[in-house]
PDB file of N, CA and C in Angstrom:
ATOM      1  N   VAL A   1      21.890  -0.607  -2.802  1.00  0.00           N
ATOM      2  CA  VAL A   1      20.730  -0.336  -2.531  1.00  0.00           C
ATOM      3  C   VAL A   1      19.949  -0.452  -3.956  1.00  0.00           C
ATOM      4  N   LEU A   2      18.935  -1.514  -3.998  1.00  0.00           N
ATOM      5  CA  LEU A   2      18.417  -1.808  -5.279  1.00  0.00           C
ATOM      6  C   LEU A   2      17.265  -1.060  -5.649  1.00  0.00           C
ATOM      7  N   LYS A   3      17.200  -0.473  -6.818  1.00  0.00           N
ATOM      8  CA  LYS A   3      16.073   0.600  -7.147  1.00  0.00           C
ATOM      9  C   LYS A   3      15.271   0.209  -8.509  1.00  0.00           C
ATOM     10  N   VAL A   4      13.919   0.456  -8.400  1.00  0.00           N
ATOM     11  CA  VAL A   4      13.260  -0.019  -9.668  1.00  0.00           C
ATOM     12  C   VAL A   4      12.504   1.259 -10.266  1.00  0.00           C
ATOM     13  N   LEU A   5      12.573   1.599 -11.591  1.00  0.00           N
ATOM     14  CA  LEU A   5      11.871   2.167 -12.267  1.00  0.00           C
ATOM     15  C   LEU A   5      10.422   1.628 -12.406  1.00  0.00           C
ATOM     16  N   ILE A   6       9.585   2.547 -11.925  1.00  0.00           N
ATOM     17  CA  ILE A   6       7.728   1.985 -12.579  1.00  0.00           C
ATOM     18  C   ILE A   6       7.418   3.392 -13.234  1.00  0.00           C
ATOM     19  N   ASP A   7       6.846   2.434 -14.346  1.00  0.00           N
ATOM     20  CA  ASP A   7       6.418   3.918 -15.421  1.00  0.00           C
ATOM     21  C   ASP A   7       5.138   4.641 -14.341  1.00  0.00           C
ATOM     22  N   LYS A   8       5.053   6.114 -14.544  1.00  0.00           N
ATOM     23  CA  LYS A   8       3.838   6.736 -13.899  1.00  0.00           C
ATOM     24  C   LYS A   8       2.376   6.108 -14.592  1.00  0.00           C
ATOM     25  N   ALA A   9       1.605   5.639 -13.677  1.00  0.00           N
ATOM     26  CA  ALA A   9      -0.048   5.388 -14.653  1.00  0.00           C
ATOM     27  C   ALA A   9      -0.853   6.488 -14.568  1.00  0.00           C
ATOM     28  N   GLU A  10      -1.235   6.333 -15.480  1.00  0.00           N
ATOM     29  CA  GLU A  10      -2.760   7.450 -15.371  1.00  0.00           C
ATOM     30  C   GLU A  10      -3.657   7.399 -14.352  1.00  0.00           C
ATOM     31  N   PRO A  11      -4.250   8.597 -14.280  1.00  0.00           N
ATOM     32  CA  PRO A  11      -5.127   8.733 -13.023  1.00  0.00           C
ATOM     33  C   PRO A  11      -6.502   7.704 -13.355  1.00  0.00           C
ATOM     34  N   VAL A  12      -6.900   7.351 -12.141  1.00  0.00           N
ATOM     35  CA  VAL A  12      -7.912   6.597 -12.407  1.00  0.00           C
ATOM     36  C   VAL A  12      -9.296   7.869 -12.216  1.00  0.00           C
ATOM     37  N   VAL A  13     -10.474   7.659 -13.321  1.00  0.00           N
ATOM     38  CA  VAL A  13     -11.412   8.353 -12.981  1.00  0.00           C
ATOM     39  C   VAL A  13     -12.591   7.186 -12.917  1.00  0.00           C
ATOM     40  N   LEU A  14     -13.342   7.580 -11.757  1.00  0.00           N
ATOM     41  CA  LEU A  14     -14.250   6.738 -11.144  1.00  0.00           C
ATOM     42  C   LEU A  14     -15.753   7.467 -11.731  1.00  0.00           C
ATOM     43  N   SER A  15     -16.739   6.803 -11.689  1.00  0.00           N
ATOM     44  CA  SER A  15     -18.112   7.118 -11.920  1.00  0.00           C
ATOM     45  C   SER A  15     -18.424   7.685 -10.567  1.00  0.00           C
ATOM     46  N   LYS A  16     -19.955   8.444 -10.607  1.00  0.00           N
ATOM     47  CA  LYS A  16     -19.986   8.987  -9.134  1.00  0.00           C
ATOM     48  C   LYS A  16     -20.393   7.688  -8.370  1.00  0.00           C
ATOM     49  N   LYS A  17     -20.895   6.773  -9.038  1.00  0.00           N
ATOM     50  CA  LYS A  17     -21.289   5.633  -7.793  1.00  0.00           C
ATOM     51  C   LYS A  17     -19.773   5.001  -7.625  1.00  0.00           C
ATOM     52  N   GLY A  18     -19.041   4.991  -8.707  1.00  0.00           N
ATOM     53  CA  GLY A  18     -17.542   4.428  -8.045  1.00  0.00           C
ATOM     54  C   GLY A  18     -17.259   5.318  -7.002  1.00  0.00           C
ATOM     55  N   GLU A  19     -17.433   6.501  -7.095  1.00  0.00           N
ATOM     56  CA  GLU A  19     -16.951   7.305  -6.115  1.00  0.00           C
ATOM     57  C   GLU A  19     -17.419   7.292  -4.871  1.00  0.00           C
ATOM     58  N   GLU A  20     -19.062   7.373  -4.663  1.00  0.00           N
ATOM     59  CA  GLU A  20     -19.762   6.735  -3.379  1.00  0.00           C
ATOM     60  C   GLU A  20     -18.975   5.582  -2.759  1.00  0.00           C
ATOM     61  N   MET A  21     -18.681   4.085  -3.697  1.00  0.00           N
ATOM     62  CA  MET A  21     -18.525   3.249  -2.974  1.00  0.00           C
ATOM     63  C   MET A  21     -17.332   3.156  -2.255  1.00  0.00           C
ATOM     64  N   LEU A  22     -16.325   4.098  -3.004  1.00  0.00           N
ATOM     65  CA  LEU A  22     -14.879   3.827  -2.765  1.00  0.00           C
ATOM     66  C   LEU A  22     -14.835   4.697  -1.506  1.00  0.00           C
ATOM     67  N   LYS A  23     -15.716   5.980  -1.148  1.00  0.00           N
ATOM     68  CA  LYS A  23     -15.888   6.710   0.116  1.00  0.00           C
ATOM     69  C   LYS A  23     -16.482   5.801   1.167  1.00  0.00           C
ATOM     70  N   GLU A  24     -17.450   5.111   1.271  1.00  0.00           N
ATOM     71  CA  GLU A  24     -17.951   4.241   2.041  1.00  0.00           C
ATOM     72  C   GLU A  24     -17.139   3.141   2.393  1.00  0.00           C
ATOM     73  N   ALA A  25     -16.198   2.588   1.354  1.00  0.00           N
ATOM     74  CA  ALA A  25     -15.295   1.586   1.717  1.00  0.00           C
ATOM     75  C   ALA A  25     -14.159   2.042   2.712  1.00  0.00           C
ATOM     76  N   LEU A  26     -13.567   3.251   2.429  1.00  0.00           N
ATOM     77  CA  LEU A  26     -12.759   3.883   3.064  1.00  0.00           C
ATOM     78  C   LEU A  26     -13.202   4.468   4.312  1.00  0.00           C
ATOM     79  N   GLU A  27     -14.260   4.666   4.691  1.00  0.00           N
ATOM     80  CA  GLU A  27     -15.124   4.989   5.865  1.00  0.00           C
ATOM     81  C   GLU A  27     -15.341   3.588   6.925  1.00  0.00           C
ATOM     82  N   ASP A  28     -15.202   2.284   6.066  1.00  0.00           N
ATOM     83  CA  ASP A  28     -15.523   1.485   7.061  1.00  0.00           C
ATOM     84  C   ASP A  28     -13.778   0.591   7.458  1.00  0.00           C
ATOM     85  N   VAL A  29     -13.032   1.240   6.575  1.00  0.00           N
ATOM     86  CA  VAL A  29     -11.324   1.046   7.077  1.00  0.00           C
ATOM     87  C   VAL A  29     -11.276   1.857   7.886  1.00  0.00           C
ATOM     88  N   LYS A  30     -11.554   3.085   8.187  1.00  0.00           N
ATOM     89  CA  LYS A  30     -11.588   4.025   9.355  1.00  0.00           C
ATOM     90  C   LYS A  30     -11.971   3.686  10.588  1.00  0.00           C
ATOM     91  N   LYS A  31     -13.211   2.965  10.343  1.00  0.00           N
ATOM     92  CA  LYS A  31     -13.944   2.510  11.794  1.00  0.00           C
ATOM     93  C   LYS A  31     -13.787   0.933  12.228  1.00  0.00           C
ATOM     94  N   GLY A  32     -12.519   0.522  11.425  1.00  0.00           N
ATOM     95  CA  GLY A  32     -11.972  -0.768  11.772  1.00  0.00           C
ATOM     96  C   GLY A  32     -13.175  -2.047  11.260  1.00  0.00           C
ATOM     97  N   LYS A  33     -14.008  -1.819  10.484  1.00  0.00           N
ATOM     98  CA  LYS A  33     -14.889  -2.769   9.873  1.00  0.00           C
ATOM     99  C   LYS A  33     -14.117  -3.342   8.907  1.00  0.00           C
ATOM    100  N   VAL A  34     -12.936  -4.022   9.161  1.00  0.00           N
ATOM    101  CA  VAL A  34     -12.204  -5.054   8.356  1.00  0.00           C
ATOM    102  C   VAL A  34     -12.225  -6.294   8.857  1.00  0.00           C
ATOM    103  N   LYS A  35     -11.739  -7.202   7.803  1.00  0.00           N
ATOM    104  CA  LYS A  35     -11.399  -8.411   8.293  1.00  0.00           C
ATOM    105  C   LYS A  35      -9.587  -9.071   7.992  1.00  0.00           C
ATOM    106  N   LYS A  36      -9.240  -9.522   9.071  1.00  0.00           N
ATOM    107  CA  LYS A  36      -7.657  -9.835   8.273  1.00  0.00           C
ATOM    108  C   LYS A  36      -7.540 -11.298   8.481  1.00  0.00           C
ATOM    109  N   PHE A  37      -6.977 -12.025   7.152  1.00  0.00           N
ATOM    110  CA  PHE A  37      -6.952 -13.196   6.802  1.00  0.00           C
ATOM    111  C   PHE A  37      -5.495 -13.773   6.528  1.00  0.00           C
ATOM    112  N   LYS A  38      -4.886 -14.968   7.235  1.00  0.00           N
ATOM    113  CA  LYS A  38      -3.660 -15.477   7.378  1.00  0.00           C
ATOM    114  C   LYS A  38      -3.367 -16.097   5.908  1.00  0.00           C
ATOM    115  N   ASN A  39      -4.554 -16.246   4.907  1.00  0.00           N
ATOM    116  CA  ASN A  39      -4.002 -16.725   3.267  1.00  0.00           C
ATOM    117  C   ASN A  39      -5.379 -16.507   2.382  1.00  0.00           C
ATOM    118  N   VAL A  40      -4.903 -16.856   1.388  1.00  0.00           N
ATOM    119  CA  VAL A  40      -6.171 -16.219   0.471  1.00  0.00           C
ATOM    120  C   VAL A  40      -7.168 -16.995   0.524  1.00  0.00           C
ATOM    121  N   GLU A  41      -6.748 -18.761   0.992  1.00  0.00           N
ATOM    122  CA  GLU A  41      -7.815 -19.512   1.096  1.00  0.00           C
ATOM    123  C   GLU A  41      -8.788 -19.263   2.221  1.00  0.00           C
ATOM    124  N   GLU A  42      -8.589 -18.688   3.488  1.00  0.00           N
ATOM    125  CA  GLU A  42      -9.329 -18.238   4.674  1.00  0.00           C
ATOM    126  C   GLU A  42     -10.300 -17.197   4.164  1.00  0.00           C
ATOM    127  N   LEU A  43      -9.563 -15.838   2.945  1.00  0.00           N
ATOM    128  CA  LEU A  43     -10.501 -15.183   2.503  1.00  0.00           C
ATOM    129  C   LEU A  43     -11.666 -15.678   1.743  1.00  0.00           C
ATOM    130  N   ILE A  44     -11.321 -16.884   1.072  1.00  0.00           N
ATOM    131  CA  ILE A  44     -11.946 -16.893  -0.217  1.00  0.00           C
ATOM    132  C   ILE A  44     -13.252 -18.025   0.866  1.00  0.00           C
ATOM    133  N   ASP A  45     -12.599 -18.809   1.822  1.00  0.00           N
ATOM    134  CA  ASP A  45     -13.602 -19.374   2.696  1.00  0.00           C
ATOM    135  C   ASP A  45     -14.673 -18.435   2.971  1.00  0.00           C
ATOM    136  N   ASP A  46     -13.994 -17.469   3.479  1.00  0.00           N
ATOM    137  CA  ASP A  46     -15.302 -16.269   4.359  1.00  0.00           C
ATOM    138  C   ASP A  46     -16.247 -15.868   3.280  1.00  0.00           C
ATOM    139  N   LEU A  47     -15.389 -15.693   2.052  1.00  0.00           N
ATOM    140  CA  LEU A  47     -16.531 -15.141   1.144  1.00  0.00           C
ATOM    141  C   LEU A  47     -17.692 -16.154   0.726  1.00  0.00           C
ATOM    142  N   HIS A  48     -17.360 -17.412   1.049  1.00  0.00           N
ATOM    143  CA  HIS A  48     -18.776 -18.274   0.504  1.00  0.00           C
ATOM    144  C   HIS A  48     -19.415 -18.553   1.749  1.00  0.00           C
ATOM    145  N   LYS A  49     -19.304 -17.851   2.703  1.00  0.00           N
ATOM    146  CA  LYS A  49     -20.152 -17.958   3.866  1.00  0.00           C
ATOM    147  C   LYS A  49     -21.430 -17.121   3.809  1.00  0.00           C
TER     148      LYS A  49
END
């Protein structure tokens, strides 16, 4: 069994605005307001629409 050691990352501290944006994004995910793409090219094409 292959094992990999990863250094522990420092906790991320968000601004008030960052916390609000993260909360909104997580609520959208819970509501299913997400899109799935087969590859990064499809994602980029959708962003340009």
